[in-house]
Amino acid sequence: MFRRAFWFTAGAAAGVWATTKVNRKLRQLTPESLAAQAANKAIETGYRLKDFALDVRAGMAQREAELGEALGVDAAADRALPAQRRRAALENHKHHKKHYGMLDEKPPYDRNEDH
């Protein structure tokens, strides 16, 4: 009698455990859950790439300082373009857009574009 009760209880517990496990897995495989997991992985990858880029930039600055010290160059170069060059670059960009008809207007439809 006790043996039957034990096996009945063990079977019921195994059934509840298996059902719970299967339901969890099914919830993980829904499209919404898969999309959320992919988004989380993409965000995590973005953070890792950002950290990598910051490490590379710091290493570049350190190596540049070492080379400057070894060569006897102590003046830190200004990274921004001088005002004249920046203005010329912006004007060239506007000229490029105007030349190709992209300044505040839609380009004309090209029927061969889809082929």
N, C-alpha and C. Protein backbone atom coordinates (compact mmCIF):
# COMPACT_ATOMS: atom_id res chain seq x y z
N MET A 1 0.81 -1.18 0.00
CA MET A 1 0.00 0.00 0.00
C MET A 1 0.87 1.26 0.00
N PHE A 2 1.85 1.27 0.91
CA PHE A 2 2.73 2.44 0.96
C PHE A 2 3.58 2.54 -0.29
N ARG A 3 3.93 1.40 -0.82
CA ARG A 3 4.73 1.39 -2.04
C ARG A 3 3.96 2.02 -3.20
N ARG A 4 2.70 1.67 -3.32
CA ARG A 4 1.87 2.25 -4.37
C ARG A 4 1.71 3.76 -4.17
N ALA A 5 1.50 4.19 -2.97
CA ALA A 5 1.35 5.62 -2.66
C ALA A 5 2.65 6.37 -2.98
N PHE A 6 3.78 5.73 -2.64
CA PHE A 6 5.07 6.36 -2.94
C PHE A 6 5.26 6.55 -4.44
N TRP A 7 5.01 5.50 -5.22
CA TRP A 7 5.21 5.60 -6.67
C TRP A 7 4.20 6.53 -7.32
N PHE A 8 2.98 6.56 -6.79
CA PHE A 8 1.99 7.48 -7.31
C PHE A 8 2.44 8.93 -7.06
N THR A 9 2.91 9.22 -5.87
CA THR A 9 3.39 10.56 -5.54
C THR A 9 4.62 10.91 -6.37
N ALA A 10 5.55 9.96 -6.52
CA ALA A 10 6.75 10.22 -7.32
C ALA A 10 6.37 10.49 -8.78
N GLY A 11 5.42 9.73 -9.33
CA GLY A 11 4.98 9.95 -10.70
C GLY A 11 4.29 11.29 -10.88
N ALA A 12 3.46 11.66 -9.91
CA ALA A 12 2.77 12.96 -9.98
C ALA A 12 3.78 14.09 -9.91
N ALA A 13 4.76 13.98 -9.02
CA ALA A 13 5.79 15.03 -8.90
C ALA A 13 6.61 15.12 -10.19
N ALA A 14 6.96 13.97 -10.78
CA ALA A 14 7.72 13.98 -12.03
C ALA A 14 6.88 14.61 -13.15
N GLY A 15 5.59 14.33 -13.17
CA GLY A 15 4.71 14.92 -14.17
C GLY A 15 4.61 16.42 -14.04
N VAL A 16 4.46 16.90 -12.82
CA VAL A 16 4.40 18.35 -12.57
C VAL A 16 5.72 19.00 -12.96
N TRP A 17 6.83 18.39 -12.59
CA TRP A 17 8.15 18.94 -12.92
C TRP A 17 8.34 19.00 -14.44
N ALA A 18 7.99 17.91 -15.14
CA ALA A 18 8.17 17.87 -16.60
C ALA A 18 7.25 18.89 -17.29
N THR A 19 6.01 19.00 -16.82
CA THR A 19 5.08 19.96 -17.41
C THR A 19 5.59 21.38 -17.22
N THR A 20 6.09 21.69 -16.05
CA THR A 20 6.63 23.03 -15.78
C THR A 20 7.82 23.31 -16.67
N LYS A 21 8.69 22.33 -16.81
CA LYS A 21 9.89 22.48 -17.64
C LYS A 21 9.51 22.72 -19.10
N VAL A 22 8.58 21.96 -19.62
CA VAL A 22 8.14 22.09 -21.01
C VAL A 22 7.48 23.45 -21.23
N ASN A 23 6.63 23.87 -20.30
CA ASN A 23 5.97 25.17 -20.45
C ASN A 23 6.96 26.33 -20.44
N ARG A 24 7.99 26.24 -19.61
CA ARG A 24 9.03 27.27 -19.60
C ARG A 24 9.75 27.34 -20.94
N LYS A 25 10.07 26.17 -21.46
CA LYS A 25 10.78 26.12 -22.74
C LYS A 25 9.90 26.66 -23.86
N LEU A 26 8.63 26.33 -23.85
CA LEU A 26 7.71 26.83 -24.87
C LEU A 26 7.58 28.36 -24.80
N ARG A 27 7.56 28.91 -23.58
CA ARG A 27 7.50 30.37 -23.43
C ARG A 27 8.78 31.02 -23.95
N GLN A 28 9.91 30.35 -23.81
CA GLN A 28 11.17 30.90 -24.30
C GLN A 28 11.23 30.88 -25.83
N LEU A 29 10.47 30.01 -26.45
CA LEU A 29 10.52 29.87 -27.91
C LEU A 29 9.42 30.65 -28.64
N THR A 30 8.66 31.47 -27.93
CA THR A 30 7.66 32.29 -28.61
C THR A 30 8.37 33.39 -29.39
N PRO A 31 7.77 33.89 -30.46
CA PRO A 31 8.42 34.94 -31.26
C PRO A 31 8.77 36.19 -30.44
N GLU A 32 7.88 36.56 -29.52
CA GLU A 32 8.16 37.75 -28.70
C GLU A 32 9.39 37.53 -27.82
N SER A 33 9.47 36.34 -27.24
CA SER A 33 10.61 36.04 -26.38
C SER A 33 11.91 35.98 -27.18
N LEU A 34 11.85 35.36 -28.36
CA LEU A 34 13.04 35.28 -29.20
C LEU A 34 13.49 36.68 -29.64
N ALA A 35 12.53 37.54 -29.96
CA ALA A 35 12.87 38.91 -30.36
C ALA A 35 13.50 39.67 -29.20
N ALA A 36 12.97 39.49 -28.01
CA ALA A 36 13.54 40.15 -26.83
C ALA A 36 14.96 39.65 -26.55
N GLN A 37 15.16 38.34 -26.70
CA GLN A 37 16.50 37.79 -26.49
C GLN A 37 17.48 38.33 -27.52
N ALA A 38 17.05 38.43 -28.77
CA ALA A 38 17.92 38.96 -29.82
C ALA A 38 18.25 40.42 -29.56
N ALA A 39 17.26 41.19 -29.12
CA ALA A 39 17.49 42.60 -28.81
C ALA A 39 18.48 42.74 -27.66
N ASN A 40 18.32 41.92 -26.64
CA ASN A 40 19.25 41.98 -25.51
C ASN A 40 20.67 41.64 -25.93
N LYS A 41 20.81 40.63 -26.79
CA LYS A 41 22.15 40.26 -27.28
C LYS A 41 22.74 41.38 -28.12
N ALA A 42 21.91 42.03 -28.93
CA ALA A 42 22.40 43.13 -29.76
C ALA A 42 22.86 44.30 -28.89
N ILE A 43 22.11 44.61 -27.85
CA ILE A 43 22.49 45.70 -26.95
C ILE A 43 23.78 45.34 -26.23
N GLU A 44 23.88 44.11 -25.77
CA GLU A 44 25.10 43.66 -25.09
C GLU A 44 26.31 43.74 -26.03
N THR A 45 26.12 43.33 -27.28
CA THR A 45 27.19 43.41 -28.27
C THR A 45 27.59 44.85 -28.52
N GLY A 46 26.61 45.74 -28.58
CA GLY A 46 26.89 47.16 -28.76
C GLY A 46 27.74 47.71 -27.62
N TYR A 47 27.40 47.35 -26.40
CA TYR A 47 28.20 47.80 -25.25
C TYR A 47 29.63 47.26 -25.32
N ARG A 48 29.75 46.00 -25.72
CA ARG A 48 31.10 45.42 -25.83
C ARG A 48 31.92 46.11 -26.92
N LEU A 49 31.27 46.43 -28.05
CA LEU A 49 31.97 47.14 -29.12
C LEU A 49 32.37 48.54 -28.68
N LYS A 50 31.49 49.19 -27.93
CA LYS A 50 31.81 50.53 -27.43
C LYS A 50 33.01 50.46 -26.49
N ASP A 51 33.00 49.49 -25.57
CA ASP A 51 34.14 49.33 -24.66
C ASP A 51 35.42 49.03 -25.43
N PHE A 52 35.32 48.19 -26.46
CA PHE A 52 36.48 47.87 -27.28
C PHE A 52 37.01 49.13 -27.97
N ALA A 53 36.10 49.92 -28.53
CA ALA A 53 36.52 51.15 -29.22
C ALA A 53 37.19 52.12 -28.24
N LEU A 54 36.64 52.23 -27.03
CA LEU A 54 37.26 53.11 -26.02
C LEU A 54 38.64 52.60 -25.62
N ASP A 55 38.78 51.28 -25.49
CA ASP A 55 40.09 50.71 -25.17
C ASP A 55 41.10 50.96 -26.29
N VAL A 56 40.64 50.81 -27.53
CA VAL A 56 41.53 51.06 -28.67
C VAL A 56 41.94 52.53 -28.69
N ARG A 57 40.98 53.42 -28.47
CA ARG A 57 41.29 54.85 -28.47
C ARG A 57 42.28 55.21 -27.35
N ALA A 58 42.08 54.62 -26.18
CA ALA A 58 43.00 54.88 -25.07
C ALA A 58 44.39 54.34 -25.39
N GLY A 59 44.44 53.14 -25.98
CA GLY A 59 45.74 52.58 -26.37
C GLY A 59 46.43 53.41 -27.44
N MET A 60 45.64 53.92 -28.39
CA MET A 60 46.21 54.78 -29.43
C MET A 60 46.80 56.05 -28.83
N ALA A 61 46.05 56.65 -27.90
CA ALA A 61 46.53 57.89 -27.27
C ALA A 61 47.80 57.62 -26.47
N GLN A 62 47.82 56.49 -25.77
CA GLN A 62 49.01 56.15 -24.99
C GLN A 62 50.21 55.92 -25.91
N ARG A 63 50.00 55.17 -26.98
CA ARG A 63 51.10 54.88 -27.91
C ARG A 63 51.56 56.15 -28.61
N GLU A 64 50.61 57.02 -28.95
CA GLU A 64 50.96 58.29 -29.59
C GLU A 64 51.81 59.15 -28.65
N ALA A 65 51.45 59.13 -27.37
CA ALA A 65 52.23 59.88 -26.38
C ALA A 65 53.63 59.29 -26.25
N GLU A 66 53.72 57.95 -26.26
CA GLU A 66 55.03 57.31 -26.18
C GLU A 66 55.89 57.66 -27.38
N LEU A 67 55.29 57.61 -28.57
CA LEU A 67 56.05 57.96 -29.78
C LEU A 67 56.44 59.43 -29.78
N GLY A 68 55.53 60.29 -29.34
CA GLY A 68 55.85 61.71 -29.27
C GLY A 68 56.99 61.96 -28.30
N GLU A 69 56.97 61.26 -27.20
CA GLU A 69 58.05 61.40 -26.21
C GLU A 69 59.37 60.88 -26.78
N ALA A 70 59.32 59.76 -27.48
CA ALA A 70 60.54 59.18 -28.06
C ALA A 70 61.11 60.07 -29.16
N LEU A 71 60.23 60.74 -29.91
CA LEU A 71 60.69 61.60 -31.00
C LEU A 71 60.94 63.04 -30.55
N GLY A 72 60.59 63.33 -29.31
CA GLY A 72 60.82 64.68 -28.80
C GLY A 72 59.75 65.67 -29.21
N VAL A 73 58.60 65.19 -29.58
CA VAL A 73 57.48 66.05 -29.95
C VAL A 73 56.54 66.11 -28.75
N ASP A 74 56.46 67.30 -28.12
CA ASP A 74 55.65 67.42 -26.92
C ASP A 74 54.33 68.14 -27.17
N ALA A 75 54.17 68.87 -28.29
CA ALA A 75 52.96 69.64 -28.54
C ALA A 75 51.82 68.70 -28.91
N ALA A 76 50.71 68.86 -28.24
CA ALA A 76 49.53 68.06 -28.54
C ALA A 76 48.81 68.67 -29.74
N ALA A 77 48.56 67.88 -30.72
CA ALA A 77 47.90 68.37 -31.93
C ALA A 77 46.41 68.52 -31.68
N ASP A 78 45.83 69.61 -32.22
CA ASP A 78 44.39 69.83 -32.11
C ASP A 78 43.68 68.92 -33.10
N ARG A 79 42.74 68.13 -32.62
CA ARG A 79 42.08 67.14 -33.45
C ARG A 79 41.03 67.74 -34.39
N ALA A 80 40.46 68.89 -34.04
CA ALA A 80 39.41 69.48 -34.86
C ALA A 80 40.00 70.19 -36.07
N LEU A 81 39.23 70.25 -37.14
CA LEU A 81 39.67 70.98 -38.33
C LEU A 81 39.64 72.47 -38.05
N PRO A 82 40.55 73.23 -38.63
CA PRO A 82 40.46 74.68 -38.51
C PRO A 82 39.15 75.17 -39.11
N ALA A 83 38.72 76.37 -38.71
CA ALA A 83 37.42 76.90 -39.13
C ALA A 83 37.30 76.97 -40.65
N GLN A 84 38.37 77.40 -41.35
CA GLN A 84 38.27 77.54 -42.80
C GLN A 84 38.03 76.18 -43.46
N ARG A 85 38.72 75.17 -43.03
CA ARG A 85 38.57 73.85 -43.63
C ARG A 85 37.19 73.27 -43.33
N ARG A 86 36.68 73.50 -42.12
CA ARG A 86 35.38 73.00 -41.76
C ARG A 86 34.31 73.65 -42.64
N ARG A 87 34.41 74.96 -42.85
CA ARG A 87 33.45 75.68 -43.69
C ARG A 87 33.53 75.16 -45.13
N ALA A 88 34.75 74.96 -45.63
CA ALA A 88 34.92 74.47 -47.00
C ALA A 88 34.33 73.07 -47.14
N ALA A 89 34.52 72.25 -46.14
CA ALA A 89 33.97 70.89 -46.19
C ALA A 89 32.45 70.93 -46.23
N LEU A 90 31.83 71.81 -45.43
CA LEU A 90 30.37 71.93 -45.44
C LEU A 90 29.87 72.46 -46.79
N GLU A 91 30.59 73.43 -47.35
CA GLU A 91 30.17 73.96 -48.64
C GLU A 91 30.28 72.90 -49.74
N ASN A 92 31.33 72.11 -49.70
CA ASN A 92 31.48 71.02 -50.69
C ASN A 92 30.35 70.01 -50.54
N HIS A 93 29.95 69.75 -49.31
CA HIS A 93 28.87 68.80 -49.07
C HIS A 93 27.56 69.34 -49.66
N LYS A 94 27.28 70.63 -49.45
CA LYS A 94 26.07 71.24 -50.01
C LYS A 94 26.14 71.24 -51.53
N HIS A 95 27.31 71.55 -52.09
CA HIS A 95 27.47 71.56 -53.53
C HIS A 95 27.21 70.16 -54.10
N HIS A 96 27.72 69.14 -53.40
CA HIS A 96 27.53 67.76 -53.83
C HIS A 96 26.05 67.42 -53.86
N LYS A 97 25.32 67.80 -52.81
CA LYS A 97 23.90 67.51 -52.76
C LYS A 97 23.14 68.26 -53.85
N LYS A 98 23.51 69.53 -54.06
CA LYS A 98 22.82 70.33 -55.07
C LYS A 98 23.10 69.78 -56.46
N HIS A 99 24.34 69.36 -56.69
CA HIS A 99 24.73 68.84 -57.99
C HIS A 99 23.94 67.58 -58.34
N TYR A 100 23.70 66.73 -57.34
CA TYR A 100 23.00 65.49 -57.58
C TYR A 100 21.51 65.59 -57.27
N GLY A 101 21.00 66.79 -57.04
CA GLY A 101 19.58 67.00 -56.85
C GLY A 101 19.04 66.42 -55.56
N MET A 102 19.84 66.44 -54.49
CA MET A 102 19.40 65.84 -53.24
C MET A 102 19.18 66.88 -52.16
N LEU A 103 19.11 68.17 -52.49
CA LEU A 103 18.97 69.21 -51.49
C LEU A 103 17.49 69.45 -51.22
N ASP A 104 16.97 68.95 -50.10
CA ASP A 104 15.60 69.14 -49.65
C ASP A 104 14.55 68.74 -50.68
N GLU A 105 14.82 67.80 -51.50
CA GLU A 105 13.82 67.31 -52.44
C GLU A 105 14.06 65.84 -52.67
N LYS A 106 13.02 65.16 -53.04
CA LYS A 106 13.16 63.73 -53.32
C LYS A 106 13.78 63.54 -54.70
N PRO A 107 14.65 62.56 -54.83
CA PRO A 107 15.21 62.30 -56.16
C PRO A 107 14.10 61.77 -57.08
N PRO A 108 14.22 62.00 -58.36
CA PRO A 108 13.20 61.50 -59.26
C PRO A 108 13.17 59.97 -59.25
N TYR A 109 11.99 59.43 -59.53
CA TYR A 109 11.83 57.98 -59.54
C TYR A 109 12.53 57.39 -60.75
N ASP A 110 13.32 56.40 -60.49
CA ASP A 110 14.04 55.72 -61.56
C ASP A 110 13.40 54.34 -61.73
N ARG A 111 12.74 54.11 -62.85
CA ARG A 111 12.01 52.86 -63.03
C ARG A 111 12.95 51.66 -63.12
N ASN A 112 14.22 51.88 -63.40
CA ASN A 112 15.18 50.78 -63.47
C ASN A 112 15.81 50.47 -62.13
N GLU A 113 15.43 51.23 -61.12
CA GLU A 113 16.02 51.08 -59.80
C GLU A 113 15.70 49.72 -59.18
N ASP A 114 14.53 49.19 -59.45
CA ASP A 114 14.11 47.93 -58.82
C ASP A 114 14.67 46.71 -59.53
N HIS A 115 15.28 46.86 -60.67
CA HIS A 115 15.71 45.71 -61.46
C HIS A 115 17.16 45.41 -61.30
